[in-house]
Amino acid sequence: FIGDSTMIQVGVAVINAVHWEMRGGSGGGGGGGCQEQLSVGLSSTLIGRALGVSNFGRRWVELANMSHSKAPGASTRPDIVVTSAGPHVTLLKDFELLLAQVVDEHRELFPEVKLVWQTQPGAGCAPSPLEEAPGKAFWARQHPKPQTRYNWPLFPAFDDAARARFAHPAASRENLFLLDVSPLALRADAHPGSRGDVPGDCVHSCLPGPLDHLVPRTLLHLMLHHGL
């Protein structure tokens, strides 16, 4: 799992889910260990360029080329990379540039690796779940500084651009896949800022929460039914 802090949360949620299932749920038995094959890497824009509020972490290709396995003779490359970017990218044209570079680098350097792009995690705070996707009226009620700083209203356009790259009919033949977590946009009540725990944080997810339920199941669905 490679990306910004919201992507790190996704990775942690999946790692915890695998660990919990391998231990047999609340029974607590079982050896587990499969979670050790999973890892996270921090990269705010994936391509090492400042495209918005900040640029930190290594490029995704550097992180994907690092071995995280402790097993002797293990491959230095993962079988699957799940990645995303968005909050640290200011303009749609720069986001499209980022997508194009990631796809090109995958084709050139890691064509055998299955590359999964996750849609944006949802943003904005509300006291209860939304009945429809956030629109102009919703954004008008949000604090202007964080939504402008991290480009929340652009998230749907970012997702449309990602679908064009990762969900077209031939994408899976190129080892490109889309992890669609767009329902999280309806859970504007599930951010730390929604509960007052961290005022203004309306993009990270409360854990445990909807992220723990949606992402592991959606990822498993991709693996079982879509060739991931």
C-alpha atoms as a PDB file:
ATOM      1  CA  PHE A   1       0.000   0.000   0.000  1.00  0.00           C
ATOM      2  CA  ILE A   2       1.681   3.196  -1.208  1.00  0.00           C
ATOM      3  CA  GLY A   3       0.363   6.728  -0.920  1.00  0.00           C
ATOM      4  CA  ASP A   4      -0.345   9.601   1.433  1.00  0.00           C
ATOM      5  CA  SER A   5      -1.572   9.371   5.025  1.00  0.00           C
ATOM      6  CA  THR A   6      -5.105   8.367   3.969  1.00  0.00           C
ATOM      7  CA  MET A   7      -3.613   5.486   1.954  1.00  0.00           C
ATOM      8  CA  ILE A   8      -1.559   4.438   4.965  1.00  0.00           C
ATOM      9  CA  GLN A   9      -4.823   4.180   6.900  1.00  0.00           C
ATOM     10  CA  VAL A  10      -6.199   1.885   4.207  1.00  0.00           C
ATOM     11  CA  GLY A  11      -3.120  -0.328   4.408  1.00  0.00           C
ATOM     12  CA  VAL A  12      -3.370  -0.534   8.190  1.00  0.00           C
ATOM     13  CA  ALA A  13      -7.068  -1.445   7.959  1.00  0.00           C
ATOM     14  CA  VAL A  14      -6.321  -4.317   5.566  1.00  0.00           C
ATOM     15  CA  ILE A  15      -3.339  -5.539   7.597  1.00  0.00           C
ATOM     16  CA  ASN A  16      -5.488  -5.562  10.741  1.00  0.00           C
ATOM     17  CA  ALA A  17      -8.290  -7.382   8.909  1.00  0.00           C
ATOM     18  CA  VAL A  18      -5.925 -10.106   7.683  1.00  0.00           C
ATOM     19  CA  HIS A  19      -4.357 -10.485  11.116  1.00  0.00           C
ATOM     20  CA  TRP A  20      -7.782 -10.726  12.767  1.00  0.00           C
ATOM     21  CA  GLU A  21      -9.122 -13.289  10.307  1.00  0.00           C
ATOM     22  CA  MET A  22      -6.000 -15.448  10.551  1.00  0.00           C
ATOM     23  CA  ARG A  23      -6.386 -15.485  14.328  1.00  0.00           C
ATOM     24  CA  GLY A  24      -9.940 -16.768  13.988  1.00  0.00           C
ATOM     25  CA  GLY A  25     -11.758 -13.590  14.976  1.00  0.00           C
ATOM     26  CA  SER A  26     -12.753 -13.228  18.607  1.00  0.00           C
ATOM     27  CA  GLY A  27     -11.660 -16.796  19.334  1.00  0.00           C
ATOM     28  CA  GLY A  28      -8.063 -15.621  19.324  1.00  0.00           C
ATOM     29  CA  GLY A  29      -6.585 -18.917  18.092  1.00  0.00           C
ATOM     30  CA  GLY A  30      -4.449 -19.606  15.055  1.00  0.00           C
ATOM     31  CA  GLY A  31      -0.914 -18.681  14.162  1.00  0.00           C
ATOM     32  CA  GLY A  32      -1.603 -15.925  11.615  1.00  0.00           C
ATOM     33  CA  GLY A  33       1.434 -14.388  10.002  1.00  0.00           C
ATOM     34  CA  CYS A  34       0.020 -13.540   6.567  1.00  0.00           C
ATOM     35  CA  GLN A  35      -0.174  -9.887   7.570  1.00  0.00           C
ATOM     36  CA  GLU A  36       3.635  -9.845   7.543  1.00  0.00           C
ATOM     37  CA  GLN A  37       3.488 -10.090   3.747  1.00  0.00           C
ATOM     38  CA  LEU A  38       1.736  -6.713   3.642  1.00  0.00           C
ATOM     39  CA  SER A  39       3.406  -3.342   4.075  1.00  0.00           C
ATOM     40  CA  VAL A  40       2.817   0.389   3.705  1.00  0.00           C
ATOM     41  CA  GLY A  41       4.933   3.129   2.149  1.00  0.00           C
ATOM     42  CA  LEU A  42       4.463   6.882   2.429  1.00  0.00           C
ATOM     43  CA  SER A  43       4.438   8.929  -0.793  1.00  0.00           C
ATOM     44  CA  SER A  44       2.208  11.997  -1.020  1.00  0.00           C
ATOM     45  CA  THR A  45       2.256  12.471  -4.812  1.00  0.00           C
ATOM     46  CA  LEU A  46       3.783   9.124  -5.889  1.00  0.00           C
ATOM     47  CA  ILE A  47       6.028  10.671  -8.567  1.00  0.00           C
ATOM     48  CA  GLY A  48       8.299  12.808  -6.400  1.00  0.00           C
ATOM     49  CA  ARG A  49       6.940  16.157  -7.565  1.00  0.00           C
ATOM     50  CA  ALA A  50       5.343  18.964  -5.571  1.00  0.00           C
ATOM     51  CA  LEU A  51       1.891  19.173  -7.139  1.00  0.00           C
ATOM     52  CA  GLY A  52       0.077  20.795  -4.252  1.00  0.00           C
ATOM     53  CA  VAL A  53       0.367  21.574  -0.589  1.00  0.00           C
ATOM     54  CA  SER A  54       3.430  19.388  -0.003  1.00  0.00           C
ATOM     55  CA  ASN A  55       5.560  16.591  -1.408  1.00  0.00           C
ATOM     56  CA  PHE A  56       7.008  14.001   0.935  1.00  0.00           C
ATOM     57  CA  GLY A  57       8.054  10.385   0.906  1.00  0.00           C
ATOM     58  CA  ARG A  58       9.790   8.355  -1.783  1.00  0.00           C
ATOM     59  CA  ARG A  59       8.552   7.833  -5.301  1.00  0.00           C
ATOM     60  CA  TRP A  60       6.213   4.881  -5.632  1.00  0.00           C
ATOM     61  CA  VAL A  61       8.600   3.040  -7.944  1.00  0.00           C
ATOM     62  CA  GLU A  62      11.327   3.160  -5.291  1.00  0.00           C
ATOM     63  CA  LEU A  63       8.995   1.827  -2.618  1.00  0.00           C
ATOM     64  CA  ALA A  64       7.643  -0.900  -4.912  1.00  0.00           C
ATOM     65  CA  ASN A  65      11.182  -2.056  -5.633  1.00  0.00           C
ATOM     66  CA  MET A  66      12.052  -2.515  -1.965  1.00  0.00           C
ATOM     67  CA  SER A  67      11.749  -5.904  -0.303  1.00  0.00           C
ATOM     68  CA  HIS A  68       9.575  -5.992   2.803  1.00  0.00           C
ATOM     69  CA  SER A  69       9.693  -9.743   3.246  1.00  0.00           C
ATOM     70  CA  LYS A  70      11.912 -11.331   5.882  1.00  0.00           C
ATOM     71  CA  ALA A  71      11.963 -14.687   4.108  1.00  0.00           C
ATOM     72  CA  PRO A  72      15.350 -15.750   2.647  1.00  0.00           C
ATOM     73  CA  GLY A  73      15.393 -15.450  -1.132  1.00  0.00           C
ATOM     74  CA  ALA A  74      12.084 -13.566  -1.224  1.00  0.00           C
ATOM     75  CA  SER A  75      11.270 -11.490  -4.268  1.00  0.00           C
ATOM     76  CA  THR A  76      12.274  -7.848  -4.096  1.00  0.00           C
ATOM     77  CA  ARG A  77       8.995  -6.879  -5.754  1.00  0.00           C
ATOM     78  CA  PRO A  78       5.440  -7.298  -4.521  1.00  0.00           C
ATOM     79  CA  ASP A  79       2.778  -9.227  -6.408  1.00  0.00           C
ATOM     80  CA  ILE A  80       0.242  -6.437  -5.886  1.00  0.00           C
ATOM     81  CA  VAL A  81       0.622  -2.690  -5.278  1.00  0.00           C
ATOM     82  CA  VAL A  82      -2.372  -0.704  -4.059  1.00  0.00           C
ATOM     83  CA  THR A  83      -1.830   3.011  -4.442  1.00  0.00           C
ATOM     84  CA  SER A  84      -3.570   6.377  -4.592  1.00  0.00           C
ATOM     85  CA  ALA A  85      -2.994  10.131  -4.449  1.00  0.00           C
ATOM     86  CA  GLY A  86      -5.174  13.212  -4.473  1.00  0.00           C
ATOM     87  CA  PRO A  87      -5.281  15.432  -1.387  1.00  0.00           C
ATOM     88  CA  HIS A  88      -1.777  16.749  -2.121  1.00  0.00           C
ATOM     89  CA  VAL A  89      -2.528  17.511  -5.782  1.00  0.00           C
ATOM     90  CA  THR A  90      -4.055  20.934  -6.478  1.00  0.00           C
ATOM     91  CA  LEU A  91      -5.048  20.864 -10.145  1.00  0.00           C
ATOM     92  CA  LEU A  92      -6.922  18.287 -12.215  1.00  0.00           C
ATOM     93  CA  LYS A  93      -4.377  18.585 -15.029  1.00  0.00           C
ATOM     94  CA  ASP A  94      -1.576  17.734 -12.589  1.00  0.00           C
ATOM     95  CA  PHE A  95      -3.557  14.766 -11.293  1.00  0.00           C
ATOM     96  CA  GLU A  96      -3.959  13.504 -14.868  1.00  0.00           C
ATOM     97  CA  LEU A  97      -0.220  13.968 -15.387  1.00  0.00           C
ATOM     98  CA  LEU A  98       0.421  11.957 -12.224  1.00  0.00           C
ATOM     99  CA  LEU A  99      -1.849   9.131 -13.394  1.00  0.00           C
ATOM    100  CA  ALA A 100      -0.181   9.017 -16.804  1.00  0.00           C
ATOM    101  CA  GLN A 101       3.295   8.834 -15.259  1.00  0.00           C
ATOM    102  CA  VAL A 102       2.311   6.100 -12.802  1.00  0.00           C
ATOM    103  CA  VAL A 103       0.798   3.991 -15.610  1.00  0.00           C
ATOM    104  CA  ASP A 104       3.830   4.570 -17.853  1.00  0.00           C
ATOM    105  CA  GLU A 105       6.253   3.637 -15.077  1.00  0.00           C
ATOM    106  CA  HIS A 106       4.250   0.520 -14.315  1.00  0.00           C
ATOM    107  CA  ARG A 107       4.299  -0.525 -17.966  1.00  0.00           C
ATOM    108  CA  GLU A 108       8.033   0.122 -18.253  1.00  0.00           C
ATOM    109  CA  LEU A 109       9.328  -1.132 -14.903  1.00  0.00           C
ATOM    110  CA  PHE A 110       6.753  -3.473 -13.308  1.00  0.00           C
ATOM    111  CA  PRO A 111       4.405  -4.862 -15.979  1.00  0.00           C
ATOM    112  CA  GLU A 112       4.112  -8.170 -14.103  1.00  0.00           C
ATOM    113  CA  VAL A 113       2.994  -6.441 -10.880  1.00  0.00           C
ATOM    114  CA  LYS A 114      -0.748  -5.957 -10.452  1.00  0.00           C
ATOM    115  CA  LEU A 115      -1.303  -2.246  -9.880  1.00  0.00           C
ATOM    116  CA  VAL A 116      -4.490  -1.252  -8.071  1.00  0.00           C
ATOM    117  CA  TRP A 117      -5.592   2.379  -7.916  1.00  0.00           C
ATOM    118  CA  GLN A 118      -7.879   3.267  -5.013  1.00  0.00           C
ATOM    119  CA  THR A 119     -10.451   6.027  -5.482  1.00  0.00           C
ATOM    120  CA  GLN A 120     -10.486   8.997  -3.127  1.00  0.00           C
ATOM    121  CA  PRO A 121     -11.437   8.274   0.499  1.00  0.00           C
ATOM    122  CA  GLY A 122     -14.187  10.873   0.804  1.00  0.00           C
ATOM    123  CA  ALA A 123     -13.972  14.180   2.649  1.00  0.00           C
ATOM    124  CA  GLY A 124     -16.030  16.698   4.553  1.00  0.00           C
ATOM    125  CA  CYS A 125     -17.642  16.431   7.982  1.00  0.00           C
ATOM    126  CA  ALA A 126     -21.286  15.893   8.892  1.00  0.00           C
ATOM    127  CA  PRO A 127     -23.125  14.708  12.021  1.00  0.00           C
ATOM    128  CA  SER A 128     -24.684  11.721  10.204  1.00  0.00           C
ATOM    129  CA  PRO A 129     -24.243   9.737   6.956  1.00  0.00           C
ATOM    130  CA  LEU A 130     -25.147  11.555   3.739  1.00  0.00           C
ATOM    131  CA  GLU A 131     -28.010  10.389   1.551  1.00  0.00           C
ATOM    132  CA  GLU A 132     -26.331  11.533  -1.674  1.00  0.00           C
ATOM    133  CA  ALA A 133     -22.829  12.314  -2.874  1.00  0.00           C
ATOM    134  CA  PRO A 134     -21.374  15.648  -1.680  1.00  0.00           C
ATOM    135  CA  GLY A 135     -22.282  18.621  -3.884  1.00  0.00           C
ATOM    136  CA  LYS A 136     -22.035  22.397  -3.848  1.00  0.00           C
ATOM    137  CA  ALA A 137     -24.445  22.800  -0.939  1.00  0.00           C
ATOM    138  CA  PHE A 138     -22.439  20.341   1.171  1.00  0.00           C
ATOM    139  CA  TRP A 139     -19.128  22.055   0.414  1.00  0.00           C
ATOM    140  CA  ALA A 140     -20.634  25.447   1.251  1.00  0.00           C
ATOM    141  CA  ARG A 141     -21.138  24.196   4.816  1.00  0.00           C
ATOM    142  CA  GLN A 142     -17.533  23.022   5.210  1.00  0.00           C
ATOM    143  CA  HIS A 143     -14.646  25.055   6.582  1.00  0.00           C
ATOM    144  CA  PRO A 144     -13.067  26.740   3.531  1.00  0.00           C
ATOM    145  CA  LYS A 145      -9.407  26.416   4.537  1.00  0.00           C
ATOM    146  CA  PRO A 146      -8.932  22.606   4.640  1.00  0.00           C
ATOM    147  CA  GLN A 147     -11.210  21.898   1.670  1.00  0.00           C
ATOM    148  CA  THR A 148      -9.310  24.448  -0.422  1.00  0.00           C
ATOM    149  CA  ARG A 149      -5.918  23.335   0.866  1.00  0.00           C
ATOM    150  CA  TYR A 150      -6.580  19.663   0.138  1.00  0.00           C
ATOM    151  CA  ASN A 151      -8.937  20.028  -2.850  1.00  0.00           C
ATOM    152  CA  TRP A 152     -11.873  18.038  -1.489  1.00  0.00           C
ATOM    153  CA  PRO A 153     -14.395  19.196  -4.119  1.00  0.00           C
ATOM    154  CA  LEU A 154     -12.077  17.890  -6.860  1.00  0.00           C
ATOM    155  CA  PHE A 155     -12.177  14.310  -5.567  1.00  0.00           C
ATOM    156  CA  PRO A 156     -15.032  13.181  -7.899  1.00  0.00           C
ATOM    157  CA  ALA A 157     -13.166  14.563 -10.940  1.00  0.00           C
ATOM    158  CA  PHE A 158     -10.005  12.811  -9.757  1.00  0.00           C
ATOM    159  CA  ASP A 159     -11.946   9.540  -9.526  1.00  0.00           C
ATOM    160  CA  ASP A 160     -13.359   9.942 -13.025  1.00  0.00           C
ATOM    161  CA  ALA A 161      -9.836  10.431 -14.383  1.00  0.00           C
ATOM    162  CA  ALA A 162      -8.634   7.348 -12.488  1.00  0.00           C
ATOM    163  CA  ARG A 163     -11.503   5.216 -13.816  1.00  0.00           C
ATOM    164  CA  ALA A 164     -10.540   6.175 -17.364  1.00  0.00           C
ATOM    165  CA  ARG A 165      -7.049   4.782 -16.728  1.00  0.00           C
ATOM    166  CA  PHE A 166      -7.712   1.820 -14.448  1.00  0.00           C
ATOM    167  CA  ALA A 167     -11.253   0.620 -15.231  1.00  0.00           C
ATOM    168  CA  HIS A 168     -11.407   0.561 -19.026  1.00  0.00           C
ATOM    169  CA  PRO A 169     -12.244  -2.810 -20.644  1.00  0.00           C
ATOM    170  CA  ALA A 170      -8.619  -3.754 -21.362  1.00  0.00           C
ATOM    171  CA  ALA A 171      -7.168  -2.539 -18.062  1.00  0.00           C
ATOM    172  CA  SER A 172      -6.958  -5.941 -16.363  1.00  0.00           C
ATOM    173  CA  ARG A 173      -4.974  -7.326 -19.312  1.00  0.00           C
ATOM    174  CA  GLU A 174      -2.414  -4.633 -18.513  1.00  0.00           C
ATOM    175  CA  ASN A 175      -2.477  -5.605 -14.802  1.00  0.00           C
ATOM    176  CA  LEU A 176      -4.327  -2.389 -13.928  1.00  0.00           C
ATOM    177  CA  PHE A 177      -7.262  -2.505 -11.498  1.00  0.00           C
ATOM    178  CA  LEU A 178      -9.534  -0.044  -9.696  1.00  0.00           C
ATOM    179  CA  LEU A 179     -10.423  -0.319  -6.009  1.00  0.00           C
ATOM    180  CA  ASP A 180     -13.617   1.731  -5.813  1.00  0.00           C
ATOM    181  CA  VAL A 181     -14.245   2.997  -2.288  1.00  0.00           C
ATOM    182  CA  SER A 182     -16.496   5.864  -3.399  1.00  0.00           C
ATOM    183  CA  PRO A 183     -19.260   4.864  -0.909  1.00  0.00           C
ATOM    184  CA  LEU A 184     -16.979   6.285   1.795  1.00  0.00           C
ATOM    185  CA  ALA A 185     -17.931   9.755   0.504  1.00  0.00           C
ATOM    186  CA  LEU A 186     -21.356   9.184   2.074  1.00  0.00           C
ATOM    187  CA  ARG A 187     -19.808   8.584   5.502  1.00  0.00           C
ATOM    188  CA  ALA A 188     -18.976  12.194   6.274  1.00  0.00           C
ATOM    189  CA  ASP A 189     -19.797  11.327   9.880  1.00  0.00           C
ATOM    190  CA  ALA A 190     -16.819   8.957  10.105  1.00  0.00           C
ATOM    191  CA  HIS A 191     -13.964  11.484  10.232  1.00  0.00           C
ATOM    192  CA  PRO A 192     -12.183  12.637  13.412  1.00  0.00           C
ATOM    193  CA  GLY A 193     -13.450  16.179  12.804  1.00  0.00           C
ATOM    194  CA  SER A 194     -17.054  14.954  12.660  1.00  0.00           C
ATOM    195  CA  ARG A 195     -16.862  13.826  16.290  1.00  0.00           C
ATOM    196  CA  GLY A 196     -14.793  16.776  17.442  1.00  0.00           C
ATOM    197  CA  ASP A 197     -11.788  14.548  18.252  1.00  0.00           C
ATOM    198  CA  VAL A 198      -9.511  16.428  15.833  1.00  0.00           C
ATOM    199  CA  PRO A 199     -11.275  19.631  14.738  1.00  0.00           C
ATOM    200  CA  GLY A 200     -10.866  20.275  11.019  1.00  0.00           C
ATOM    201  CA  ASP A 201      -9.747  16.732  10.127  1.00  0.00           C
ATOM    202  CA  CYS A 202     -12.473  15.782   7.674  1.00  0.00           C
ATOM    203  CA  VAL A 203     -10.488  13.502   5.365  1.00  0.00           C
ATOM    204  CA  HIS A 204      -8.888  10.824   7.565  1.00  0.00           C
ATOM    205  CA  SER A 205     -11.111   8.019   8.814  1.00  0.00           C
ATOM    206  CA  CYS A 206     -11.983   7.034  12.350  1.00  0.00           C
ATOM    207  CA  LEU A 207     -10.707   3.542  13.097  1.00  0.00           C
ATOM    208  CA  PRO A 208     -12.484   1.285  13.735  1.00  0.00           C
ATOM    209  CA  GLY A 209     -15.124   2.481  11.302  1.00  0.00           C
ATOM    210  CA  PRO A 210     -16.513   2.089   7.769  1.00  0.00           C
ATOM    211  CA  LEU A 211     -13.012   1.869   6.300  1.00  0.00           C
ATOM    212  CA  ASP A 212     -12.428  -1.415   8.140  1.00  0.00           C
ATOM    213  CA  HIS A 213     -15.554  -2.963   6.622  1.00  0.00           C
ATOM    214  CA  LEU A 214     -15.527  -1.643   3.063  1.00  0.00           C
ATOM    215  CA  VAL A 215     -11.901  -1.819   1.927  1.00  0.00           C
ATOM    216  CA  PRO A 216     -10.950  -5.431   2.827  1.00  0.00           C
ATOM    217  CA  ARG A 217     -14.213  -6.757   1.341  1.00  0.00           C
ATOM    218  CA  THR A 218     -13.887  -4.706  -1.840  1.00  0.00           C
ATOM    219  CA  LEU A 219     -10.275  -5.800  -2.269  1.00  0.00           C
ATOM    220  CA  LEU A 220     -11.252  -9.438  -1.721  1.00  0.00           C
ATOM    221  CA  HIS A 221     -14.010  -9.059  -4.335  1.00  0.00           C
ATOM    222  CA  LEU A 222     -11.416  -7.837  -6.857  1.00  0.00           C
ATOM    223  CA  MET A 223      -9.235 -10.848  -6.095  1.00  0.00           C
ATOM    224  CA  LEU A 224     -12.027 -13.415  -6.348  1.00  0.00           C
ATOM    225  CA  HIS A 225     -14.035 -12.076  -9.277  1.00  0.00           C
ATOM    226  CA  HIS A 226     -11.882  -9.737 -11.348  1.00  0.00           C
ATOM    227  CA  GLY A 227      -8.560 -11.486 -11.757  1.00  0.00           C
ATOM    228  CA  LEU A 228      -6.558  -9.570  -9.183  1.00  0.00           C
END
